[in-house]
Amino acid sequence: MKITLNKFLLIILIGLIAVCSCKRNPITGRKQLTLVSEKEVQSMALTEYNHFLTANQVVPINNNDAEMVKRVGTRIAAAIKQYYQDQGLASALEGYNWEFNLVQSKEVNAWCMPGGKVVVYTGLLPLTQNETALAIVLGHEITHAVAGHGRERMSQQLLAQGIQVAGDVALGSNPGTVSIFNAAYAPTAQVAVLLPYSRKHEYEADHYGLIFAAMAGYDPREAIPFWQRMAAMGGNKPPILLSDHPADADRIAKLQELMPEALKYYKPMN
């Protein structure tokens, strides 16, 4: 296939953008493509989050389950803040104003958007069964946000589509970038295909999610029976929470491998 000069120059330009836009994640140490700033995605996330809460039934905070979600989430957030401070990276959490909500839905799901906006669906609670397993899930989902996994997915898609984003471009005014944002985060289930997390993302979320749950006073060993319960209910149509995750046996093996490190951070609550 013949490549024109313009196409060749475009390929070179895209390659240069990719190389220049790769930054090392301060916690994981892995280089990530970051065409979009954290400030930009937090702004878009807040808009979508507020739309989601308006369109869905939020369980009142005086409900025992809603109070549990807030309690667990607050402890996980405090652990993350402490972890980042210990690493001298407190500024990496700039703009995080944590909120935790339980919404009425049969879906087995939970998510965290940039800026610390966390939602748990009531359909998840029969699977978590206890507060510790809920902490495992929230640790995992919040890690996706603080580790910039969604922003990385979004950047990869922008690059693939040849959309150049530089500086503080107003992404919200570009229909193409809004669509890519929704595909990367998709809290409303209005997007047909959610951009998948890579296996690397999932293992990072498992790894640091265990640490954050342990630091918050929750036994990380609860991750094993929880993911076994999730795997058992997978069937032909697995829950959203499982849709892009590693194979069950691989995940369990990796969790067991990570457990000794996580247990070093575990201090049971009094």
Protein backbone atom coordinates (compact mmCIF):
# COMPACT_ATOMS: atom_id res chain seq x y z
CA MET A 1 0.00 0.00 0.00
CA LYS A 2 1.38 3.37 -1.05
CA ILE A 3 1.70 5.98 1.71
CA THR A 4 1.43 9.61 0.61
CA LEU A 5 3.73 12.26 2.03
CA ASN A 6 0.87 13.80 3.99
CA LYS A 7 -0.02 10.45 5.56
CA PHE A 8 3.60 9.78 6.35
CA LEU A 9 3.95 13.18 8.05
CA LEU A 10 0.72 12.55 9.95
CA ILE A 11 2.06 9.22 11.22
CA ILE A 12 5.26 10.92 12.34
CA LEU A 13 3.29 13.69 14.04
CA ILE A 14 1.06 11.23 15.87
CA GLY A 15 4.12 9.29 17.00
CA LEU A 16 5.77 12.46 18.32
CA ILE A 17 2.59 13.44 20.16
CA ALA A 18 2.43 10.01 21.76
CA VAL A 19 6.08 10.10 22.87
CA CYS A 20 5.91 13.67 24.19
CA SER A 21 2.61 13.06 25.97
CA CYS A 22 3.74 10.03 27.97
CA LYS A 23 4.16 10.77 31.65
CA ARG A 24 5.23 8.49 34.47
CA ASN A 25 2.48 7.79 36.98
CA PRO A 26 3.81 8.86 40.40
CA ILE A 27 2.36 5.84 42.22
CA THR A 28 2.54 2.93 39.77
CA GLY A 29 5.75 4.13 38.09
CA ARG A 30 4.34 3.19 34.70
CA LYS A 31 4.43 5.60 31.77
CA GLN A 32 0.96 6.63 30.59
CA LEU A 33 -0.29 8.52 27.55
CA THR A 34 -1.83 11.75 28.86
CA LEU A 35 -3.21 13.96 26.11
CA VAL A 36 -5.85 15.24 28.51
CA SER A 37 -5.21 17.03 31.78
CA GLU A 38 -6.64 15.86 35.09
CA LYS A 39 -8.33 19.25 35.49
CA GLU A 40 -10.18 18.79 32.21
CA VAL A 41 -11.50 15.32 32.98
CA GLN A 42 -12.52 16.35 36.50
CA SER A 43 -14.60 19.18 35.06
CA MET A 44 -16.32 16.88 32.58
CA ALA A 45 -16.77 14.21 35.26
CA LEU A 46 -18.55 16.61 37.60
CA THR A 47 -21.05 17.50 34.89
CA GLU A 48 -21.78 13.87 34.04
CA TYR A 49 -21.90 12.87 37.71
CA ASN A 50 -24.52 15.53 38.49
CA HIS A 51 -26.56 14.43 35.47
CA PHE A 52 -26.38 10.85 36.69
CA LEU A 53 -27.59 11.71 40.20
CA THR A 54 -30.49 13.71 38.76
CA ALA A 55 -31.54 10.85 36.50
CA ASN A 56 -31.28 8.08 39.11
CA GLN A 57 -32.77 7.27 42.51
CA VAL A 58 -30.21 8.12 45.19
CA VAL A 59 -30.73 6.23 48.44
CA PRO A 60 -31.07 8.70 51.37
CA ILE A 61 -28.06 8.90 53.66
CA ASN A 62 -30.16 7.93 56.70
CA ASN A 63 -30.51 4.47 55.12
CA ASN A 64 -28.16 1.94 56.75
CA ASP A 65 -26.68 0.77 53.44
CA ALA A 66 -26.15 4.31 52.19
CA GLU A 67 -24.46 5.19 55.46
CA MET A 68 -22.22 2.14 55.11
CA VAL A 69 -21.19 3.17 51.58
CA LYS A 70 -20.27 6.63 52.81
CA ARG A 71 -18.43 5.25 55.85
CA VAL A 72 -16.37 2.77 53.85
CA GLY A 73 -15.66 5.26 51.09
CA THR A 74 -14.56 7.94 53.53
CA ARG A 75 -12.11 5.52 55.15
CA ILE A 76 -10.70 4.44 51.79
CA ALA A 77 -10.31 8.08 50.72
CA ALA A 78 -8.49 8.92 53.96
CA ALA A 79 -6.15 5.96 53.41
CA ILE A 80 -5.40 7.10 49.86
CA LYS A 81 -4.69 10.64 51.05
CA GLN A 82 -2.31 9.26 53.68
CA TYR A 83 -0.59 6.98 51.16
CA TYR A 84 0.01 9.85 48.75
CA GLN A 85 1.23 12.11 51.55
CA ASP A 86 3.67 9.42 52.70
CA GLN A 87 5.03 9.29 49.14
CA GLY A 88 5.33 13.09 48.99
CA LEU A 89 2.67 13.19 46.28
CA ALA A 90 -0.25 14.93 47.98
CA SER A 91 -0.56 17.38 45.07
CA ALA A 92 -1.51 14.49 42.76
CA LEU A 93 -4.93 14.44 44.45
CA GLU A 94 -5.61 18.11 43.76
CA GLY A 95 -9.26 18.69 42.90
CA TYR A 96 -10.51 15.57 44.67
CA ASN A 97 -13.67 16.46 46.58
CA TRP A 98 -14.95 13.08 47.66
CA GLU A 99 -18.62 12.12 47.47
CA PHE A 100 -20.14 8.69 48.03
CA ASN A 101 -23.66 7.75 46.95
CA LEU A 102 -25.73 4.58 46.84
CA VAL A 103 -28.23 4.43 43.96
CA GLN A 104 -31.17 2.11 43.49
CA SER A 105 -30.34 -0.31 40.68
CA LYS A 106 -30.27 -4.06 40.08
CA GLU A 107 -26.91 -3.75 38.31
CA VAL A 108 -23.92 -5.32 40.08
CA ASN A 109 -21.67 -2.31 39.73
CA ALA A 110 -19.76 0.55 41.35
CA TRP A 111 -17.55 3.27 39.90
CA CYS A 112 -15.42 6.27 40.75
CA MET A 113 -15.05 9.24 38.43
CA PRO A 114 -12.12 11.70 38.39
CA GLY A 115 -12.34 14.07 41.31
CA GLY A 116 -13.57 11.41 43.72
CA LYS A 117 -17.23 11.03 42.73
CA VAL A 118 -18.17 7.49 43.79
CA VAL A 119 -21.39 5.58 43.18
CA VAL A 120 -22.36 2.11 44.39
CA TYR A 121 -25.42 0.32 42.98
CA THR A 122 -27.71 -1.51 45.41
CA GLY A 123 -27.41 -4.61 43.20
CA LEU A 124 -23.79 -4.97 44.30
CA LEU A 125 -24.53 -5.33 48.02
CA PRO A 126 -25.92 -8.91 47.92
CA LEU A 127 -22.57 -9.92 46.39
CA THR A 128 -20.31 -7.99 48.74
CA GLN A 129 -22.33 -9.31 51.73
CA ASN A 130 -20.20 -7.39 54.23
CA GLU A 131 -18.46 -4.07 54.76
CA THR A 132 -14.98 -5.47 54.15
CA ALA A 133 -15.85 -6.81 50.69
CA LEU A 134 -17.39 -3.44 49.86
CA ALA A 135 -14.07 -1.85 50.83
CA ILE A 136 -12.28 -4.21 48.42
CA VAL A 137 -14.55 -3.06 45.58
CA LEU A 138 -14.23 0.63 46.41
CA GLY A 139 -10.47 0.36 46.77
CA HIS A 140 -10.33 -1.18 43.30
CA GLU A 141 -12.67 1.31 41.62
CA ILE A 142 -11.11 4.37 43.26
CA THR A 143 -7.66 3.19 42.19
CA HIS A 144 -8.83 3.31 38.58
CA ALA A 145 -9.58 7.02 39.09
CA VAL A 146 -6.51 8.12 41.07
CA ALA A 147 -4.20 6.11 38.79
CA GLY A 148 -5.61 7.93 35.76
CA HIS A 149 -6.75 4.79 33.96
CA GLY A 150 -9.81 6.40 32.39
CA ARG A 151 -7.78 9.41 31.28
CA GLU A 152 -5.26 7.06 29.73
CA ARG A 153 -8.01 5.19 27.85
CA MET A 154 -9.42 8.49 26.67
CA SER A 155 -6.00 9.68 25.49
CA GLN A 156 -5.42 6.46 23.56
CA GLN A 157 -8.76 6.86 21.82
CA LEU A 158 -8.08 10.51 21.01
CA LEU A 159 -4.75 9.55 19.49
CA ALA A 160 -6.29 6.69 17.53
CA GLN A 161 -8.85 9.06 16.04
CA GLY A 162 -6.26 11.70 15.27
CA ILE A 163 -7.73 14.28 17.62
CA GLN A 164 -4.96 16.50 18.89
CA VAL A 165 -5.44 17.92 22.35
CA ALA A 166 -2.92 20.40 23.68
CA GLY A 167 -2.82 22.53 26.82
CA ASP A 168 -6.19 23.28 28.41
CA VAL A 169 -8.39 22.85 25.34
CA ALA A 170 -12.06 23.02 26.27
CA LEU A 171 -12.93 19.39 25.66
CA GLY A 172 -16.53 19.87 26.67
CA SER A 173 -17.17 22.00 23.57
CA ASN A 174 -16.04 19.29 21.15
CA PRO A 175 -18.71 16.62 20.47
CA GLY A 176 -16.03 14.11 19.48
CA THR A 177 -14.12 14.43 22.73
CA VAL A 178 -17.33 14.39 24.78
CA SER A 179 -18.25 11.10 23.11
CA ILE A 180 -14.81 9.68 23.90
CA PHE A 181 -15.09 10.86 27.51
CA ASN A 182 -18.45 9.12 27.86
CA ALA A 183 -17.02 5.95 26.35
CA ALA A 184 -14.09 6.05 28.77
CA TYR A 185 -16.17 6.62 31.91
CA ALA A 186 -19.80 5.84 30.94
CA PRO A 187 -21.63 6.23 34.28
CA THR A 188 -25.07 6.42 32.67
CA ALA A 189 -25.00 3.22 30.56
CA GLN A 190 -25.99 5.36 27.55
CA VAL A 191 -22.83 4.29 25.73
CA ALA A 192 -23.09 1.00 23.87
CA VAL A 193 -19.41 0.07 24.14
CA LEU A 194 -17.32 1.06 27.14
CA LEU A 195 -13.64 1.46 26.33
CA PRO A 196 -12.09 -1.54 28.07
CA TYR A 197 -9.55 -1.30 30.83
CA SER A 198 -6.41 -3.18 29.92
CA ARG A 199 -5.33 -6.15 31.99
CA LYS A 200 -2.50 -3.93 33.23
CA HIS A 201 -5.07 -1.43 34.52
CA GLU A 202 -7.02 -4.16 36.26
CA TYR A 203 -3.98 -5.60 38.02
CA GLU A 204 -2.92 -2.10 39.13
CA ALA A 205 -6.41 -1.52 40.52
CA ASP A 206 -6.29 -4.85 42.35
CA HIS A 207 -2.79 -4.15 43.66
CA TYR A 208 -3.30 -0.67 45.07
CA GLY A 209 -6.94 -1.28 45.90
CA LEU A 210 -5.85 -4.01 48.32
CA ILE A 211 -3.30 -1.66 49.89
CA PHE A 212 -5.82 1.17 50.31
CA ALA A 213 -8.44 -1.16 51.81
CA ALA A 214 -5.85 -2.57 54.22
CA MET A 215 -4.70 0.91 55.26
CA ALA A 216 -8.35 1.78 55.93
CA GLY A 217 -8.53 -1.11 58.40
CA TYR A 218 -10.21 -3.73 56.21
CA ASP A 219 -8.78 -7.25 55.87
CA PRO A 220 -7.51 -7.54 52.26
CA ARG A 221 -7.93 -11.34 52.40
CA GLU A 222 -11.66 -10.78 51.90
CA ALA A 223 -10.83 -10.07 48.24
CA ILE A 224 -10.45 -13.79 47.52
CA PRO A 225 -13.95 -14.98 48.55
CA PHE A 226 -15.53 -11.85 47.09
CA TRP A 227 -14.08 -12.36 43.61
CA GLN A 228 -14.92 -16.05 43.86
CA ARG A 229 -18.57 -15.08 44.48
CA MET A 230 -18.44 -12.70 41.53
CA ALA A 231 -16.98 -15.39 39.28
CA ALA A 232 -19.66 -17.87 40.35
CA MET A 233 -22.46 -15.58 39.20
CA GLY A 234 -20.80 -14.69 35.87
CA GLY A 235 -22.68 -17.07 33.55
CA ASN A 236 -23.19 -16.07 29.92
CA LYS A 237 -23.69 -12.40 30.79
CA PRO A 238 -21.28 -11.35 33.52
CA PRO A 239 -21.95 -8.31 35.70
CA ILE A 240 -20.61 -4.98 34.43
CA LEU A 241 -18.05 -5.10 37.21
CA LEU A 242 -16.60 -8.23 35.58
CA SER A 243 -16.98 -7.29 31.92
CA ASP A 244 -13.38 -6.33 31.20
CA HIS A 245 -11.61 -8.11 34.02
CA PRO A 246 -8.91 -10.79 33.80
CA ALA A 247 -9.84 -14.46 33.81
CA ASP A 248 -11.08 -15.57 37.23
CA ALA A 249 -8.24 -18.00 37.90
CA ASP A 250 -5.64 -15.42 36.86
CA ARG A 251 -7.17 -12.77 39.08
CA ILE A 252 -7.33 -15.02 42.15
CA ALA A 253 -3.74 -16.16 41.63
CA LYS A 254 -2.55 -12.57 41.29
CA LEU A 255 -4.48 -11.47 44.39
CA GLN A 256 -2.88 -14.25 46.39
CA GLU A 257 0.51 -13.15 45.10
CA LEU A 258 -0.18 -9.55 46.17
CA MET A 259 -1.62 -10.45 49.58
CA PRO A 260 1.63 -10.51 51.64
CA GLU A 261 2.39 -6.93 50.61
CA ALA A 262 -1.17 -5.75 51.32
CA LEU A 263 -1.14 -7.40 54.75
CA LYS A 264 1.86 -5.27 55.73
CA TYR A 265 -0.47 -2.28 55.59
CA TYR A 266 -3.33 -3.95 57.46
CA LYS A 267 -4.13 -2.62 60.90
CA PRO A 268 -7.52 -3.89 62.09
CA MET A 269 -9.98 -1.28 63.31
CA ASN A 270 -10.51 -1.17 67.05
